[in-house]
Amino acid sequence: MPMESSESVAAVARQIADAARQVGVTRARARQIANLVLPAPAIQEAILVGELRLIERQFRNVVPLVNWDEQRNRVDHLSSPAAFG
């Protein structure tokens, strides 16, 4: 996966900040929402078809992981009964 230039990262940050102002949420909250598109396709599909149920707070611990295998491992841990114990 190619590294993003600092200019493109800054441009995305500006877009998120602009969107946050337009809808009346904080930049942090807008970033959390924007990050919801980052999970591996298999995780997205499992959520969409109802095979995986996580609350958003749990899900936020998955999306920062860039590696999709690491994301799946985290989801497996979070969705196990012991994770809610």
N, C-alpha and C. Protein backbone atom coordinates (compact mmCIF):
# COMPACT_ATOMS: atom_id res chain seq x y z
N MET A 1 0.85 -1.17 0.00
CA MET A 1 0.00 0.00 0.00
C MET A 1 0.90 1.24 0.00
N PRO A 2 0.72 2.13 -0.99
CA PRO A 2 1.58 3.31 -1.06
C PRO A 2 1.30 4.28 0.09
N MET A 3 2.34 4.94 0.52
CA MET A 3 2.19 5.95 1.57
C MET A 3 1.56 7.20 0.96
N GLU A 4 0.69 7.81 1.68
CA GLU A 4 0.05 9.03 1.21
C GLU A 4 0.97 10.21 1.47
N SER A 5 0.96 11.17 0.55
CA SER A 5 1.77 12.36 0.75
C SER A 5 1.16 13.21 1.85
N SER A 6 1.99 14.01 2.45
CA SER A 6 1.49 14.87 3.53
C SER A 6 0.46 15.86 3.01
N GLU A 7 0.59 16.26 1.72
CA GLU A 7 -0.39 17.17 1.13
C GLU A 7 -1.76 16.52 1.02
N SER A 8 -1.81 15.24 0.60
CA SER A 8 -3.11 14.58 0.46
C SER A 8 -3.72 14.30 1.82
N VAL A 9 -2.91 13.99 2.81
CA VAL A 9 -3.42 13.79 4.17
C VAL A 9 -3.99 15.10 4.69
N ALA A 10 -3.29 16.19 4.45
CA ALA A 10 -3.77 17.51 4.88
C ALA A 10 -5.07 17.86 4.16
N ALA A 11 -5.17 17.52 2.88
CA ALA A 11 -6.39 17.81 2.12
C ALA A 11 -7.58 17.04 2.68
N VAL A 12 -7.36 15.78 3.03
CA VAL A 12 -8.44 14.97 3.62
C VAL A 12 -8.84 15.55 4.98
N ALA A 13 -7.86 15.95 5.77
CA ALA A 13 -8.15 16.55 7.07
C ALA A 13 -8.99 17.81 6.91
N ARG A 14 -8.66 18.63 5.91
CA ARG A 14 -9.45 19.84 5.65
C ARG A 14 -10.88 19.49 5.23
N GLN A 15 -11.02 18.48 4.39
CA GLN A 15 -12.35 18.07 3.94
C GLN A 15 -13.19 17.58 5.11
N ILE A 16 -12.58 16.81 6.00
CA ILE A 16 -13.30 16.32 7.18
C ILE A 16 -13.69 17.49 8.09
N ALA A 17 -12.77 18.43 8.28
CA ALA A 17 -13.07 19.60 9.11
C ALA A 17 -14.21 20.42 8.49
N ASP A 18 -14.18 20.60 7.17
CA ASP A 18 -15.26 21.33 6.49
C ASP A 18 -16.60 20.62 6.66
N ALA A 19 -16.59 19.31 6.47
CA ALA A 19 -17.83 18.54 6.62
C ALA A 19 -18.35 18.63 8.05
N ALA A 20 -17.46 18.58 9.01
CA ALA A 20 -17.86 18.67 10.42
C ALA A 20 -18.56 19.99 10.70
N ARG A 21 -17.98 21.07 10.19
CA ARG A 21 -18.59 22.39 10.38
C ARG A 21 -19.97 22.45 9.72
N GLN A 22 -20.10 21.89 8.54
CA GLN A 22 -21.37 21.95 7.81
C GLN A 22 -22.49 21.21 8.51
N VAL A 23 -22.16 20.08 9.14
CA VAL A 23 -23.22 19.29 9.78
C VAL A 23 -23.29 19.51 11.29
N GLY A 24 -22.38 20.32 11.82
CA GLY A 24 -22.47 20.68 13.23
C GLY A 24 -21.96 19.63 14.20
N VAL A 25 -20.90 18.91 13.82
CA VAL A 25 -20.27 17.96 14.74
C VAL A 25 -18.81 18.36 14.88
N THR A 26 -18.15 17.77 15.86
CA THR A 26 -16.73 18.06 16.05
C THR A 26 -15.91 17.38 14.96
N ARG A 27 -14.70 17.88 14.76
CA ARG A 27 -13.80 17.23 13.78
C ARG A 27 -13.51 15.80 14.19
N ALA A 28 -13.37 15.56 15.49
CA ALA A 28 -13.09 14.20 15.97
C ALA A 28 -14.24 13.26 15.61
N ARG A 29 -15.48 13.73 15.82
CA ARG A 29 -16.64 12.89 15.51
C ARG A 29 -16.74 12.66 14.00
N ALA A 30 -16.48 13.69 13.21
CA ALA A 30 -16.51 13.52 11.75
C ALA A 30 -15.45 12.52 11.30
N ARG A 31 -14.28 12.56 11.93
CA ARG A 31 -13.22 11.60 11.61
C ARG A 31 -13.63 10.18 11.98
N GLN A 32 -14.29 10.02 13.13
CA GLN A 32 -14.78 8.70 13.52
C GLN A 32 -15.75 8.16 12.48
N ILE A 33 -16.65 9.01 12.03
CA ILE A 33 -17.64 8.59 11.04
C ILE A 33 -16.96 8.26 9.71
N ALA A 34 -16.02 9.11 9.28
CA ALA A 34 -15.32 8.87 8.02
C ALA A 34 -14.53 7.56 8.06
N ASN A 35 -13.99 7.21 9.22
CA ASN A 35 -13.20 5.98 9.35
C ASN A 35 -14.04 4.71 9.25
N LEU A 36 -15.35 4.83 9.31
CA LEU A 36 -16.19 3.64 9.24
C LEU A 36 -16.13 2.95 7.89
N VAL A 37 -15.54 3.58 6.89
CA VAL A 37 -15.40 2.94 5.58
C VAL A 37 -14.07 2.19 5.42
N LEU A 38 -13.25 2.15 6.45
CA LEU A 38 -11.91 1.57 6.35
C LEU A 38 -11.81 0.06 6.59
N PRO A 39 -12.79 -0.60 7.18
CA PRO A 39 -12.62 -2.03 7.46
C PRO A 39 -12.51 -2.88 6.19
N ALA A 40 -11.95 -4.05 6.40
CA ALA A 40 -11.82 -5.03 5.32
C ALA A 40 -13.19 -5.32 4.71
N PRO A 41 -13.23 -5.58 3.41
CA PRO A 41 -14.50 -5.86 2.75
C PRO A 41 -15.29 -7.00 3.41
N ALA A 42 -14.61 -8.02 3.88
CA ALA A 42 -15.31 -9.14 4.52
C ALA A 42 -16.01 -8.69 5.81
N ILE A 43 -15.40 -7.77 6.53
CA ILE A 43 -16.01 -7.25 7.76
C ILE A 43 -17.22 -6.40 7.41
N GLN A 44 -17.07 -5.54 6.40
CA GLN A 44 -18.19 -4.71 5.96
C GLN A 44 -19.38 -5.58 5.55
N GLU A 45 -19.09 -6.62 4.77
CA GLU A 45 -20.17 -7.50 4.31
C GLU A 45 -20.84 -8.21 5.48
N ALA A 46 -20.05 -8.71 6.43
CA ALA A 46 -20.63 -9.40 7.59
C ALA A 46 -21.56 -8.48 8.38
N ILE A 47 -21.20 -7.22 8.48
CA ILE A 47 -22.06 -6.26 9.17
C ILE A 47 -23.33 -6.02 8.37
N LEU A 48 -23.18 -5.81 7.07
CA LEU A 48 -24.33 -5.49 6.22
C LEU A 48 -25.36 -6.62 6.15
N VAL A 49 -24.90 -7.86 6.19
CA VAL A 49 -25.84 -8.98 6.10
C VAL A 49 -26.28 -9.47 7.48
N GLY A 50 -25.82 -8.81 8.54
CA GLY A 50 -26.27 -9.14 9.88
C GLY A 50 -25.55 -10.29 10.55
N GLU A 51 -24.43 -10.73 9.98
CA GLU A 51 -23.67 -11.82 10.59
C GLU A 51 -22.76 -11.33 11.72
N LEU A 52 -22.48 -10.05 11.73
CA LEU A 52 -21.59 -9.47 12.74
C LEU A 52 -22.29 -8.27 13.35
N ARG A 53 -22.37 -8.29 14.65
CA ARG A 53 -23.00 -7.17 15.36
C ARG A 53 -22.04 -6.63 16.40
N LEU A 54 -21.62 -5.42 16.16
CA LEU A 54 -20.75 -4.71 17.10
C LEU A 54 -21.36 -3.34 17.33
N ILE A 55 -21.15 -2.83 18.53
CA ILE A 55 -21.56 -1.45 18.75
C ILE A 55 -20.46 -0.55 18.17
N GLU A 56 -20.83 0.67 17.86
CA GLU A 56 -19.86 1.56 17.20
C GLU A 56 -18.59 1.73 18.02
N ARG A 57 -18.71 1.83 19.31
CA ARG A 57 -17.52 2.03 20.15
C ARG A 57 -16.52 0.87 19.97
N GLN A 58 -17.03 -0.36 19.89
CA GLN A 58 -16.15 -1.50 19.65
C GLN A 58 -15.54 -1.40 18.25
N PHE A 59 -16.36 -1.03 17.32
CA PHE A 59 -15.93 -0.95 15.93
C PHE A 59 -14.81 0.07 15.74
N ARG A 60 -14.85 1.14 16.50
CA ARG A 60 -13.81 2.17 16.40
C ARG A 60 -12.44 1.63 16.76
N ASN A 61 -12.38 0.54 17.53
CA ASN A 61 -11.10 -0.07 17.87
C ASN A 61 -10.54 -0.90 16.73
N VAL A 62 -11.37 -1.19 15.75
CA VAL A 62 -10.96 -2.01 14.60
C VAL A 62 -10.45 -1.14 13.47
N VAL A 63 -11.13 -0.05 13.17
CA VAL A 63 -10.83 0.72 11.97
C VAL A 63 -9.44 1.34 11.90
N PRO A 64 -8.77 1.68 13.02
CA PRO A 64 -7.42 2.24 12.87
C PRO A 64 -6.39 1.22 12.37
N LEU A 65 -6.71 -0.05 12.46
CA LEU A 65 -5.76 -1.08 12.02
C LEU A 65 -5.73 -1.11 10.49
N VAL A 66 -4.57 -0.90 9.92
CA VAL A 66 -4.44 -0.84 8.47
C VAL A 66 -4.49 -2.25 7.86
N ASN A 67 -3.90 -3.19 8.52
CA ASN A 67 -3.83 -4.56 8.01
C ASN A 67 -5.17 -5.26 8.20
N TRP A 68 -5.74 -5.76 7.11
CA TRP A 68 -7.06 -6.38 7.18
C TRP A 68 -7.05 -7.66 8.01
N ASP A 69 -5.95 -8.40 8.02
CA ASP A 69 -5.87 -9.59 8.88
C ASP A 69 -5.93 -9.18 10.35
N GLU A 70 -5.25 -8.10 10.71
CA GLU A 70 -5.31 -7.61 12.09
C GLU A 70 -6.72 -7.16 12.44
N GLN A 71 -7.40 -6.53 11.48
CA GLN A 71 -8.79 -6.14 11.71
C GLN A 71 -9.65 -7.36 11.99
N ARG A 72 -9.50 -8.41 11.17
CA ARG A 72 -10.30 -9.63 11.38
C ARG A 72 -10.00 -10.27 12.72
N ASN A 73 -8.73 -10.28 13.12
CA ASN A 73 -8.38 -10.83 14.43
C ASN A 73 -9.04 -10.03 15.55
N ARG A 74 -9.02 -8.71 15.44
CA ARG A 74 -9.64 -7.86 16.46
C ARG A 74 -11.15 -8.10 16.50
N VAL A 75 -11.78 -8.20 15.33
CA VAL A 75 -13.23 -8.44 15.27
C VAL A 75 -13.56 -9.80 15.87
N ASP A 76 -12.74 -10.82 15.57
CA ASP A 76 -12.97 -12.14 16.15
C ASP A 76 -12.93 -12.07 17.67
N HIS A 77 -11.97 -11.31 18.20
CA HIS A 77 -11.86 -11.16 19.66
C HIS A 77 -13.06 -10.41 20.22
N LEU A 78 -13.45 -9.32 19.56
CA LEU A 78 -14.56 -8.50 20.06
C LEU A 78 -15.89 -9.21 19.99
N SER A 79 -16.05 -10.06 18.99
CA SER A 79 -17.35 -10.73 18.83
C SER A 79 -17.45 -12.03 19.61
N SER A 80 -16.36 -12.41 20.31
CA SER A 80 -16.43 -13.62 21.13
C SER A 80 -17.16 -13.31 22.44
N PRO A 81 -17.85 -14.29 23.00
CA PRO A 81 -18.58 -14.05 24.26
C PRO A 81 -17.67 -13.55 25.38
N ALA A 82 -16.41 -13.99 25.41
CA ALA A 82 -15.51 -13.58 26.48
C ALA A 82 -15.22 -12.07 26.43
N ALA A 83 -15.30 -11.47 25.23
CA ALA A 83 -15.03 -10.05 25.08
C ALA A 83 -16.08 -9.20 25.79
N PHE A 84 -17.24 -9.76 26.04
CA PHE A 84 -18.31 -9.01 26.68
C PHE A 84 -18.43 -9.35 28.16
N GLY A 85 -17.60 -10.29 28.61
CA GLY A 85 -17.69 -10.80 29.96
C GLY A 85 -17.42 -9.83 31.00
